[in-house]
Amino acid sequence: MELRIFTEPQQGATYDQLLAVARCTEDAGYGAFFRSDHYLKMGSVSGDPGPTDAWTTLAGLARDTSRIRLGTLMTAATFRLPGPLAITVAQVDQMSGGRVELGIGTGWYAEEHAAYGIPFPPLAERFDRLEEQLAVITGLWTTPGGEKFSYDGRYYPVTDSPALPKPVQAPRPPILIGGMGRKRTPQLTARYADEFNLPFASVADSAAQFERVRAACAEIGRDPAQLCWSNALVLCCGRDDAEVARRAEAIGRDPEELRANGMAGTPAEIVDKIGRYAEIGAQRIYLQVLDLADLDHIELVAAEVMPKI
């Protein structure tokens, strides 16, 4: 089981704050630092000083860190055209020495699209666009050097692209797809993904969705063992109940609700819950850290949980 740190900077964070978390993540021995891709805060927080762009942030972290992997949960396909996104991710992969992973999804937060003038088509069209984006991005990355790439898409036709630049990782950076969609999500995962991720899902719901993805793999003759299976859950760890309660209060959540729905409790409780996800096949857990100033939180889990899993 690998532990990764996952942040939500749209709730209020500067680049320097994210850098401090990323360096703590690296120093503490986690496998990766991931961030959301959102342009508008959620809930009652102020969101100050405003959003930071996901791939601008990761470009900076590519130069300001040296070991941890870097990625998004999840880049919204509505935010960027696939050709420029393929260029951006390939460039950040080069800047990081081959440490980048692309989590990508349909986009879902209508209000942030309205707030920044981003078109937000209906869900079926967003899935159609995501499928074309995946075809274009992977096609550009895997086209052999010196050859050109074309794609006869409805939304994103590509004609005689030089398919440059290339990422460092071969044949391409890992792609993550996730979510509870019952049909198209498993199908796209089976066809394009290297990792399937479920955010904020129970053990039972995760097991059911993992099975749908495995069935979609079987339909196209892909070995499900080629996929990495992961979950993302909000973190609230404390050395005792009082510390758990303090950390829950800091993020505006109830400790018992977090114990039921997140990765919360003492280190022993968290080790036990990670074990339950491992039993259904999860291989990675993304720990959503909401209080970015509390670096001791990250260090506590590294010291008291990581060695036991």
Protein backbone atom coordinates (compact mmCIF):
# COMPACT_ATOMS: atom_id res chain seq x y z
CA MET A 1 0.00 0.00 0.00
CA GLU A 2 1.34 3.39 -1.03
CA LEU A 3 0.24 6.62 0.65
CA ARG A 4 0.01 9.86 -1.28
CA ILE A 5 -0.94 13.39 -0.23
CA PHE A 6 -3.81 15.13 -2.01
CA THR A 7 -4.67 18.83 -1.59
CA GLU A 8 -7.58 21.17 -2.47
CA PRO A 9 -5.91 24.56 -3.13
CA GLN A 10 -9.09 26.20 -4.41
CA GLN A 11 -10.14 26.39 -0.76
CA GLY A 12 -7.38 28.95 -0.21
CA ALA A 13 -3.65 28.49 -0.79
CA THR A 14 -0.66 30.25 -2.29
CA TYR A 15 2.06 28.53 -4.25
CA ASP A 16 4.42 28.89 -1.31
CA GLN A 17 1.96 27.09 0.97
CA LEU A 18 1.62 24.26 -1.53
CA LEU A 19 5.40 24.08 -1.87
CA ALA A 20 5.75 23.70 1.89
CA VAL A 21 3.26 20.81 1.86
CA ALA A 22 4.94 19.20 -1.15
CA ARG A 23 8.39 19.39 0.44
CA CYS A 24 7.04 17.98 3.69
CA THR A 25 5.40 15.20 1.66
CA GLU A 26 8.72 14.43 -0.01
CA ASP A 27 10.79 14.59 3.17
CA ALA A 28 8.32 12.36 5.05
CA GLY A 29 8.53 9.57 2.49
CA TYR A 30 5.17 9.68 0.72
CA GLY A 31 4.94 8.55 -2.87
CA ALA A 32 3.36 11.62 -4.43
CA PHE A 33 1.85 15.07 -4.06
CA PHE A 34 -1.40 15.56 -5.95
CA ARG A 35 -3.74 18.50 -6.16
CA SER A 36 -7.26 19.16 -7.35
CA ASP A 37 -7.94 21.11 -10.55
CA HIS A 38 -10.56 23.69 -9.59
CA TYR A 39 -10.98 27.43 -10.06
CA LEU A 40 -13.63 28.14 -7.43
CA LYS A 41 -13.83 27.44 -3.71
CA MET A 42 -16.47 25.14 -2.26
CA GLY A 43 -18.51 25.63 0.89
CA SER A 44 -18.29 28.46 3.41
CA VAL A 45 -14.54 29.15 3.27
CA SER A 46 -13.40 32.45 1.77
CA GLY A 47 -11.12 30.87 -0.81
CA ASP A 48 -8.61 33.70 -0.31
CA PRO A 49 -6.23 34.52 -1.90
CA GLY A 50 -7.92 32.82 -4.85
CA PRO A 51 -7.27 29.78 -7.02
CA THR A 52 -3.93 28.59 -8.32
CA ASP A 53 -3.79 26.82 -11.67
CA ALA A 54 -3.07 23.11 -11.30
CA TRP A 55 -0.52 22.72 -14.07
CA THR A 56 1.22 26.02 -13.34
CA THR A 57 1.59 24.79 -9.76
CA LEU A 58 2.92 21.40 -10.85
CA ALA A 59 5.42 23.05 -13.19
CA GLY A 60 6.81 24.99 -10.24
CA LEU A 61 6.87 21.89 -8.04
CA ALA A 62 8.63 19.97 -10.81
CA ARG A 63 11.62 22.26 -10.27
CA ASP A 64 11.23 22.74 -6.51
CA THR A 65 11.06 19.03 -5.57
CA SER A 66 13.26 16.10 -6.56
CA ARG A 67 11.65 12.73 -5.77
CA ILE A 68 7.89 12.68 -5.30
CA ARG A 69 5.55 12.08 -8.17
CA LEU A 70 3.21 14.93 -9.10
CA GLY A 71 -0.29 14.91 -10.52
CA THR A 72 -3.94 15.94 -10.58
CA LEU A 73 -7.11 14.48 -9.13
CA MET A 74 -8.64 15.31 -11.56
CA THR A 75 -7.88 17.74 -14.39
CA ALA A 76 -11.19 18.83 -15.91
CA ALA A 77 -11.40 18.08 -19.62
CA THR A 78 -13.58 21.17 -19.98
CA PHE A 79 -10.75 23.46 -18.92
CA ARG A 80 -8.22 22.77 -21.67
CA LEU A 81 -7.99 21.68 -25.30
CA PRO A 82 -6.35 18.25 -25.62
CA GLY A 83 -3.45 19.33 -27.83
CA PRO A 84 -2.26 22.13 -25.54
CA LEU A 85 -2.87 19.91 -22.49
CA ALA A 86 -0.68 17.18 -24.01
CA ILE A 87 2.05 19.77 -24.57
CA THR A 88 1.75 21.13 -21.04
CA VAL A 89 1.87 17.76 -19.33
CA ALA A 90 4.77 16.59 -21.51
CA GLN A 91 6.69 19.76 -20.66
CA VAL A 92 6.07 19.39 -16.91
CA ASP A 93 7.14 15.75 -17.23
CA GLN A 94 10.41 16.95 -18.76
CA MET A 95 10.81 19.61 -16.06
CA SER A 96 10.34 16.99 -13.34
CA GLY A 97 12.59 14.35 -14.85
CA GLY A 98 9.65 12.03 -15.54
CA ARG A 99 7.56 12.29 -12.36
CA VAL A 100 4.19 13.45 -13.70
CA GLU A 101 0.81 11.68 -13.75
CA LEU A 102 -2.35 12.96 -15.44
CA GLY A 103 -5.64 12.42 -13.67
CA ILE A 104 -8.43 13.55 -15.98
CA GLY A 105 -12.21 13.61 -15.84
CA THR A 106 -15.28 15.20 -17.38
CA GLY A 107 -15.43 18.18 -15.03
CA TRP A 108 -18.47 18.50 -12.77
CA TYR A 109 -18.56 21.81 -10.90
CA ALA A 110 -20.96 23.98 -12.90
CA GLU A 111 -20.48 27.08 -10.74
CA GLU A 112 -16.76 27.37 -11.41
CA HIS A 113 -17.39 27.20 -15.14
CA ALA A 114 -19.91 30.03 -14.85
CA ALA A 115 -17.56 32.03 -12.63
CA TYR A 116 -14.71 31.97 -15.18
CA GLY A 117 -16.53 31.83 -18.51
CA ILE A 118 -15.81 28.17 -19.25
CA PRO A 119 -18.37 26.30 -21.39
CA PHE A 120 -20.13 23.51 -19.49
CA PRO A 121 -21.97 21.15 -21.82
CA PRO A 122 -24.36 18.41 -20.64
CA LEU A 123 -22.88 15.30 -19.04
CA ALA A 124 -23.22 13.04 -22.09
CA GLU A 125 -21.33 15.54 -24.23
CA ARG A 126 -18.70 15.98 -21.53
CA PHE A 127 -18.07 12.22 -21.62
CA ASP A 128 -17.87 12.36 -25.44
CA ARG A 129 -15.35 15.16 -25.20
CA LEU A 130 -13.35 13.34 -22.52
CA GLU A 131 -13.14 10.26 -24.72
CA GLU A 132 -11.80 12.35 -27.61
CA GLN A 133 -9.37 14.12 -25.31
CA LEU A 134 -7.97 10.79 -24.14
CA ALA A 135 -7.59 9.62 -27.74
CA VAL A 136 -5.79 12.81 -28.77
CA ILE A 137 -3.53 13.09 -25.72
CA THR A 138 -2.40 9.46 -25.82
CA GLY A 139 -2.09 9.59 -29.60
CA LEU A 140 0.16 12.64 -29.52
CA TRP A 141 2.37 11.17 -26.80
CA THR A 142 2.81 7.75 -28.40
CA THR A 143 3.26 8.73 -32.04
CA PRO A 144 6.82 7.70 -32.99
CA GLY A 145 9.34 10.48 -33.43
CA GLY A 146 9.41 11.87 -36.95
CA GLU A 147 5.85 10.77 -37.67
CA LYS A 148 2.65 12.81 -37.63
CA PHE A 149 -0.61 12.28 -35.80
CA SER A 150 -4.12 12.86 -37.11
CA TYR A 151 -7.48 12.22 -35.48
CA ASP A 152 -10.91 12.49 -37.06
CA GLY A 153 -12.78 13.75 -34.01
CA ARG A 154 -16.14 15.45 -33.78
CA TYR A 155 -14.95 17.93 -31.16
CA TYR A 156 -11.16 17.83 -31.48
CA PRO A 157 -10.07 16.97 -35.03
CA VAL A 158 -6.29 16.89 -35.42
CA THR A 159 -4.51 17.11 -38.76
CA ASP A 160 -0.84 16.26 -39.37
CA SER A 161 0.40 17.18 -35.89
CA PRO A 162 4.15 16.75 -35.33
CA ALA A 163 3.11 15.27 -31.97
CA LEU A 164 5.72 17.19 -30.03
CA PRO A 165 7.02 17.58 -27.39
CA LYS A 166 7.40 14.08 -26.04
CA PRO A 167 7.22 13.35 -22.33
CA VAL A 168 10.18 11.74 -20.57
CA GLN A 169 8.17 8.70 -19.48
CA ALA A 170 7.72 6.05 -22.14
CA PRO A 171 5.38 5.22 -23.67
CA ARG A 172 3.66 8.08 -21.78
CA PRO A 173 2.93 9.43 -18.31
CA PRO A 174 0.41 7.37 -16.31
CA ILE A 175 -3.24 8.33 -16.79
CA LEU A 176 -5.73 8.18 -13.93
CA ILE A 177 -9.49 7.96 -14.44
CA GLY A 178 -11.98 7.75 -11.60
CA GLY A 179 -15.51 8.10 -10.34
CA MET A 180 -18.69 6.14 -9.75
CA GLY A 181 -20.12 6.23 -13.29
CA ARG A 182 -21.49 2.78 -13.99
CA LYS A 183 -20.89 2.48 -17.75
CA ARG A 184 -18.68 4.98 -19.52
CA THR A 185 -16.27 5.49 -16.64
CA PRO A 186 -15.37 1.76 -16.52
CA GLN A 187 -15.18 1.63 -20.32
CA LEU A 188 -12.80 4.60 -20.59
CA THR A 189 -10.74 3.26 -17.70
CA ALA A 190 -10.33 -0.12 -19.37
CA ARG A 191 -9.29 1.49 -22.63
CA TYR A 192 -7.03 4.34 -21.52
CA ALA A 193 -6.13 4.33 -17.83
CA ASP A 194 -3.15 3.10 -15.87
CA GLU A 195 -4.90 3.72 -12.54
CA PHE A 196 -8.51 3.73 -11.40
CA ASN A 197 -9.29 6.06 -8.51
CA LEU A 198 -12.40 6.35 -6.34
CA PRO A 199 -12.81 9.54 -4.28
CA PHE A 200 -14.67 9.50 -0.98
CA ALA A 201 -16.29 6.09 -1.48
CA SER A 202 -17.00 3.47 1.18
CA VAL A 203 -15.33 0.07 1.13
CA ALA A 204 -18.56 -1.53 -0.13
CA ASP A 205 -19.13 1.04 -2.89
CA SER A 206 -15.48 0.82 -3.89
CA ALA A 207 -15.64 -2.95 -4.17
CA ALA A 208 -18.72 -2.73 -6.41
CA GLN A 209 -17.16 -0.13 -8.71
CA PHE A 210 -13.85 -1.99 -8.87
CA GLU A 211 -15.82 -4.99 -10.13
CA ARG A 212 -17.48 -2.91 -12.85
CA VAL A 213 -14.08 -1.76 -14.04
CA ARG A 214 -12.73 -5.31 -13.98
CA ALA A 215 -15.72 -6.41 -16.08
CA ALA A 216 -15.05 -3.60 -18.58
CA CYS A 217 -11.43 -4.77 -18.82
CA ALA A 218 -12.60 -8.33 -19.48
CA GLU A 219 -14.88 -7.11 -22.29
CA ILE A 220 -11.92 -5.78 -24.27
CA GLY A 221 -9.47 -8.51 -23.27
CA ARG A 222 -7.38 -6.39 -20.92
CA ASP A 223 -5.87 -7.89 -17.78
CA PRO A 224 -7.22 -5.88 -14.80
CA ALA A 225 -3.88 -6.49 -13.08
CA GLN A 226 -2.44 -3.90 -15.47
CA LEU A 227 -4.37 -1.24 -13.54
CA CYS A 228 -3.44 0.28 -10.21
CA TRP A 229 -6.46 0.58 -7.88
CA SER A 230 -6.74 3.53 -5.52
CA ASN A 231 -9.00 5.52 -3.22
CA ALA A 232 -8.98 9.12 -2.02
CA LEU A 233 -10.25 9.93 1.48
CA VAL A 234 -10.12 12.98 3.73
CA LEU A 235 -7.46 12.66 6.42
CA CYS A 236 -7.99 13.46 10.09
CA CYS A 237 -5.42 11.66 12.24
CA GLY A 238 -4.57 12.37 15.86
CA ARG A 239 -2.49 10.77 18.57
CA ASP A 240 -5.61 10.64 20.73
CA ASP A 241 -9.31 11.55 20.52
CA ALA A 242 -8.66 15.13 21.57
CA GLU A 243 -6.22 15.67 18.71
CA VAL A 244 -8.60 14.04 16.25
CA ALA A 245 -11.36 16.40 17.44
CA ARG A 246 -9.06 19.42 17.14
CA ARG A 247 -8.11 18.57 13.59
CA ALA A 248 -11.72 17.86 12.64
CA GLU A 249 -12.80 21.23 14.02
CA ALA A 250 -10.05 22.96 12.05
CA ILE A 251 -11.60 21.74 8.79
CA GLY A 252 -15.21 22.19 9.88
CA ARG A 253 -16.08 18.51 10.16
CA ASP A 254 -17.45 16.22 12.86
CA PRO A 255 -14.92 13.64 14.06
CA GLU A 256 -17.40 10.76 14.14
CA GLU A 257 -18.66 11.59 10.66
CA LEU A 258 -15.05 11.59 9.48
CA ARG A 259 -14.43 8.25 11.14
CA ALA A 260 -17.38 6.84 9.21
CA ASN A 261 -16.70 8.44 5.83
CA GLY A 262 -13.03 9.42 5.81
CA MET A 263 -9.63 8.23 6.93
CA ALA A 264 -9.93 9.45 10.49
CA GLY A 265 -8.97 8.46 14.01
CA THR A 266 -5.82 7.44 15.80
CA PRO A 267 -2.95 5.91 13.81
CA ALA A 268 -4.15 2.43 14.83
CA GLU A 269 -7.66 3.17 13.55
CA ILE A 270 -6.28 4.44 10.27
CA VAL A 271 -4.05 1.39 9.81
CA ASP A 272 -7.12 -0.79 10.34
CA LYS A 273 -9.22 1.13 7.82
CA ILE A 274 -6.48 1.11 5.20
CA GLY A 275 -6.41 -2.66 5.68
CA ARG A 276 -10.10 -2.87 4.80
CA TYR A 277 -9.49 -1.04 1.52
CA ALA A 278 -6.50 -3.27 0.82
CA GLU A 279 -8.74 -6.34 1.20
CA ILE A 280 -10.83 -5.23 -1.81
CA GLY A 281 -7.75 -4.58 -3.95
CA ALA A 282 -6.81 -0.95 -3.27
CA GLN A 283 -3.08 -0.39 -3.71
CA ARG A 284 -2.86 3.36 -3.07
CA ILE A 285 -4.61 5.77 -0.75
CA TYR A 286 -4.65 9.49 -1.50
CA LEU A 287 -4.95 11.29 1.84
CA GLN A 288 -6.83 14.54 1.37
CA VAL A 289 -5.15 17.15 3.56
CA LEU A 290 -7.40 20.18 4.03
CA ASP A 291 -5.46 22.16 6.66
CA LEU A 292 -2.34 23.01 4.68
CA ALA A 293 -0.68 24.77 7.61
CA ASP A 294 -0.67 21.60 9.75
CA LEU A 295 2.49 19.90 8.55
CA ASP A 296 2.68 17.88 11.79
CA HIS A 297 -0.40 16.04 10.54
CA ILE A 298 1.49 14.79 7.49
CA GLU A 299 4.54 13.88 9.58
CA LEU A 300 2.43 12.00 12.16
CA VAL A 301 0.93 9.69 9.54
CA ALA A 302 4.35 9.11 8.00
CA ALA A 303 5.79 8.15 11.38
CA GLU A 304 2.91 6.18 12.89
CA VAL A 305 0.90 4.76 9.96
CA MET A 306 3.20 4.33 6.99
CA PRO A 307 5.59 1.80 8.63
CA LYS A 308 2.66 -0.47 9.54
CA ILE A 309 1.11 -0.83 6.09
